[in-house]
Each structure stands twice: as C-alpha cells, then as structure tokens.
C-alpha cells in the first residue's frame, strides 16, 4: 500500500533514545529523532519487501546519509531486530495465536 509506505510507522522507544542521545553522541555523531525514525522505518519496509535483511541492498539506500551515521543506525536496527526475533513494525510481525500472552 503506497500510503503506508510513505507514512513513517516506526516510533522510537527508550532503547533507541539512549542509542541516539548517548551512544551516537559518544561517537561524535548526531541525528535528529525524526530522521532516525525515518531511517528505521525505511529499513523495516525494504527488509519486508526483500523478504529478508539484505545488508548490501539496504545499505546502498542509505549512502546519502554519509557512511558512518547510516552504518551506525543500520547496525543498531539489525541488532535490535535480531534480539527481538521479528520485525520492529507491528504490521510486519507474524500473527500470534490468541493463547500467546507475550
């Protein structure tokens, strides 16, 4: 759906805020929260379209950001997604059974 593709669905959580406000600052990198959300949203949507996390294809899309910040956000997204074991945008997550209380 084109409208959903254009809309930023991803919202930063506490873990992202710490990453942006502490980790990136410590590495002398800055990014606005809105831009971070846009990048993660696009990573999620491209990953969903590709059917897997294809690092090379996704990173190509973010070269415009400058290598360091794009790579840093990509790594944060990749690790967070691996730890969670599913997409970060709810509509891309597999349906759970009604008996699943998590």
C-alpha atoms as a PDB file:
ATOM      1  CA  UNK A   1       0.000   0.000   0.000  1.00  0.00           C
ATOM      2  CA  UNK A   2       1.630   3.228  -1.226  1.00  0.00           C
ATOM      3  CA  UNK A   3       0.105   5.374   1.535  1.00  0.00           C
ATOM      4  CA  UNK A   4       1.559   3.157   4.284  1.00  0.00           C
ATOM      5  CA  UNK A   5       4.919   3.077   2.507  1.00  0.00           C
ATOM      6  CA  UNK A   6       5.069   6.876   2.577  1.00  0.00           C
ATOM      7  CA  UNK A   7       3.928   7.194   6.203  1.00  0.00           C
ATOM      8  CA  UNK A   8       6.545   6.744   8.951  1.00  0.00           C
ATOM      9  CA  UNK A   9       5.170   3.965  11.143  1.00  0.00           C
ATOM     10  CA  UNK A  10       8.200   3.361  13.339  1.00  0.00           C
ATOM     11  CA  UNK A  11       8.323   5.187  16.667  1.00  0.00           C
ATOM     12  CA  UNK A  12      11.464   5.333  18.762  1.00  0.00           C
ATOM     13  CA  UNK A  13      11.423   3.523  22.076  1.00  0.00           C
ATOM     14  CA  UNK A  14      13.562   4.077  25.184  1.00  0.00           C
ATOM     15  CA  UNK A  15      16.336   1.864  23.810  1.00  0.00           C
ATOM     16  CA  UNK A  16      16.511   4.000  20.646  1.00  0.00           C
ATOM     17  CA  UNK A  17      16.541   7.231  22.645  1.00  0.00           C
ATOM     18  CA  UNK A  18      19.508   6.010  24.684  1.00  0.00           C
ATOM     19  CA  UNK A  19      21.259   4.969  21.478  1.00  0.00           C
ATOM     20  CA  UNK A  20      20.703   8.342  19.776  1.00  0.00           C
ATOM     21  CA  UNK A  21      21.317  10.544  22.821  1.00  0.00           C
ATOM     22  CA  UNK A  22      24.252   8.665  24.361  1.00  0.00           C
ATOM     23  CA  UNK A  23      25.901   6.104  22.105  1.00  0.00           C
ATOM     24  CA  UNK A  24      25.945   8.197  18.940  1.00  0.00           C
ATOM     25  CA  UNK A  25      26.920  11.353  20.844  1.00  0.00           C
ATOM     26  CA  UNK A  26      29.810   9.457  22.432  1.00  0.00           C
ATOM     27  CA  UNK A  27      30.910   8.549  18.901  1.00  0.00           C
ATOM     28  CA  UNK A  28      30.640  12.219  17.837  1.00  0.00           C
ATOM     29  CA  UNK A  29      27.626  11.540  15.601  1.00  0.00           C
ATOM     30  CA  UNK A  30      24.300  13.309  15.674  1.00  0.00           C
ATOM     31  CA  UNK A  31      20.940  12.520  14.145  1.00  0.00           C
ATOM     32  CA  UNK A  32      17.530  14.047  14.749  1.00  0.00           C
ATOM     33  CA  UNK A  33      14.947  11.709  16.250  1.00  0.00           C
ATOM     34  CA  UNK A  34      12.630  12.188  13.255  1.00  0.00           C
ATOM     35  CA  UNK A  35      15.399  11.226  10.846  1.00  0.00           C
ATOM     36  CA  UNK A  36      16.267   8.170  12.950  1.00  0.00           C
ATOM     37  CA  UNK A  37      12.617   7.055  12.813  1.00  0.00           C
ATOM     38  CA  UNK A  38      12.518   7.614   9.045  1.00  0.00           C
ATOM     39  CA  UNK A  39      15.650   5.527   8.539  1.00  0.00           C
ATOM     40  CA  UNK A  40      14.500   2.625  10.727  1.00  0.00           C
ATOM     41  CA  UNK A  41      11.067   2.763   9.098  1.00  0.00           C
ATOM     42  CA  UNK A  42      12.649   2.534   5.637  1.00  0.00           C
ATOM     43  CA  UNK A  43      14.954  -0.302   6.767  1.00  0.00           C
ATOM     44  CA  UNK A  44      11.925  -2.227   8.022  1.00  0.00           C
ATOM     45  CA  UNK A  45       9.918  -1.662   4.849  1.00  0.00           C
ATOM     46  CA  UNK A  46      12.772  -2.532   2.495  1.00  0.00           C
ATOM     47  CA  UNK A  47      13.577  -5.627   4.530  1.00  0.00           C
ATOM     48  CA  UNK A  48       9.932  -6.707   4.373  1.00  0.00           C
ATOM     49  CA  UNK A  49       9.815  -6.176   0.600  1.00  0.00           C
ATOM     50  CA  UNK A  50      13.003  -8.189   0.115  1.00  0.00           C
ATOM     51  CA  UNK A  51      11.786 -10.945   2.427  1.00  0.00           C
ATOM     52  CA  UNK A  52      14.997 -10.887   4.443  1.00  0.00           C
ATOM     53  CA  UNK A  53      17.528  -8.470   5.870  1.00  0.00           C
ATOM     54  CA  UNK A  54      19.727  -7.879   2.834  1.00  0.00           C
ATOM     55  CA  UNK A  55      22.557  -5.737   4.171  1.00  0.00           C
ATOM     56  CA  UNK A  56      24.066  -4.706   0.846  1.00  0.00           C
ATOM     57  CA  UNK A  57      20.776  -3.598  -0.724  1.00  0.00           C
ATOM     58  CA  UNK A  58      19.645  -1.726   2.359  1.00  0.00           C
ATOM     59  CA  UNK A  59      22.990  -0.010   2.917  1.00  0.00           C
ATOM     60  CA  UNK A  60      23.028   1.156  -0.713  1.00  0.00           C
ATOM     61  CA  UNK A  61      19.858   3.113   0.030  1.00  0.00           C
ATOM     62  CA  UNK A  62      21.482   4.998   2.900  1.00  0.00           C
ATOM     63  CA  UNK A  63      24.754   6.106   1.326  1.00  0.00           C
ATOM     64  CA  UNK A  64      23.235   9.580   1.049  1.00  0.00           C
ATOM     65  CA  UNK A  65      23.459   9.867   4.850  1.00  0.00           C
ATOM     66  CA  UNK A  66      27.174   9.643   4.919  1.00  0.00           C
ATOM     67  CA  UNK A  67      28.762   6.327   5.662  1.00  0.00           C
ATOM     68  CA  UNK A  68      29.240   6.496   9.424  1.00  0.00           C
ATOM     69  CA  UNK A  69      25.774   7.507  10.595  1.00  0.00           C
ATOM     70  CA  UNK A  70      23.983   5.284   8.070  1.00  0.00           C
ATOM     71  CA  UNK A  71      26.083   2.285   9.052  1.00  0.00           C
ATOM     72  CA  UNK A  72      25.641   3.025  12.771  1.00  0.00           C
ATOM     73  CA  UNK A  73      21.838   3.212  12.523  1.00  0.00           C
ATOM     74  CA  UNK A  74      21.794   0.095  10.339  1.00  0.00           C
ATOM     75  CA  UNK A  75      23.827  -1.848  12.940  1.00  0.00           C
ATOM     76  CA  UNK A  76      21.558  -0.693  15.786  1.00  0.00           C
ATOM     77  CA  UNK A  77      18.479  -1.729  13.777  1.00  0.00           C
ATOM     78  CA  UNK A  78      19.976  -5.101  12.807  1.00  0.00           C
ATOM     79  CA  UNK A  79      20.974  -5.999  16.374  1.00  0.00           C
ATOM     80  CA  UNK A  80      17.651  -4.860  17.814  1.00  0.00           C
ATOM     81  CA  UNK A  81      15.725  -6.856  15.243  1.00  0.00           C
ATOM     82  CA  UNK A  82      17.843  -9.973  15.775  1.00  0.00           C
ATOM     83  CA  UNK A  83      17.364  -9.757  19.554  1.00  0.00           C
ATOM     84  CA  UNK A  84      13.600  -9.337  19.162  1.00  0.00           C
ATOM     85  CA  UNK A  85      13.446 -12.086  16.547  1.00  0.00           C
ATOM     86  CA  UNK A  86      10.864 -10.312  14.435  1.00  0.00           C
ATOM     87  CA  UNK A  87      10.247  -7.055  12.546  1.00  0.00           C
ATOM     88  CA  UNK A  88      10.023  -3.835  14.564  1.00  0.00           C
ATOM     89  CA  UNK A  89       6.898  -2.556  12.780  1.00  0.00           C
ATOM     90  CA  UNK A  90       3.849  -4.396  14.088  1.00  0.00           C
ATOM     91  CA  UNK A  91       2.098  -4.935  10.752  1.00  0.00           C
ATOM     92  CA  UNK A  92       5.109  -6.913   9.513  1.00  0.00           C
ATOM     93  CA  UNK A  93       5.198  -9.183  12.574  1.00  0.00           C
ATOM     94  CA  UNK A  94       3.748 -12.675  12.233  1.00  0.00           C
ATOM     95  CA  UNK A  95       0.310 -13.158  13.745  1.00  0.00           C
ATOM     96  CA  UNK A  96       0.309 -14.712  17.200  1.00  0.00           C
ATOM     97  CA  UNK A  97      -2.235 -17.162  18.496  1.00  0.00           C
ATOM     98  CA  UNK A  98      -4.873 -15.975  20.948  1.00  0.00           C
ATOM     99  CA  UNK A  99      -3.297 -18.189  23.622  1.00  0.00           C
ATOM    100  CA  UNK A 100       0.073 -16.389  23.343  1.00  0.00           C
ATOM    101  CA  UNK A 101       0.290 -13.987  26.287  1.00  0.00           C
ATOM    102  CA  UNK A 102       3.584 -12.290  25.238  1.00  0.00           C
END
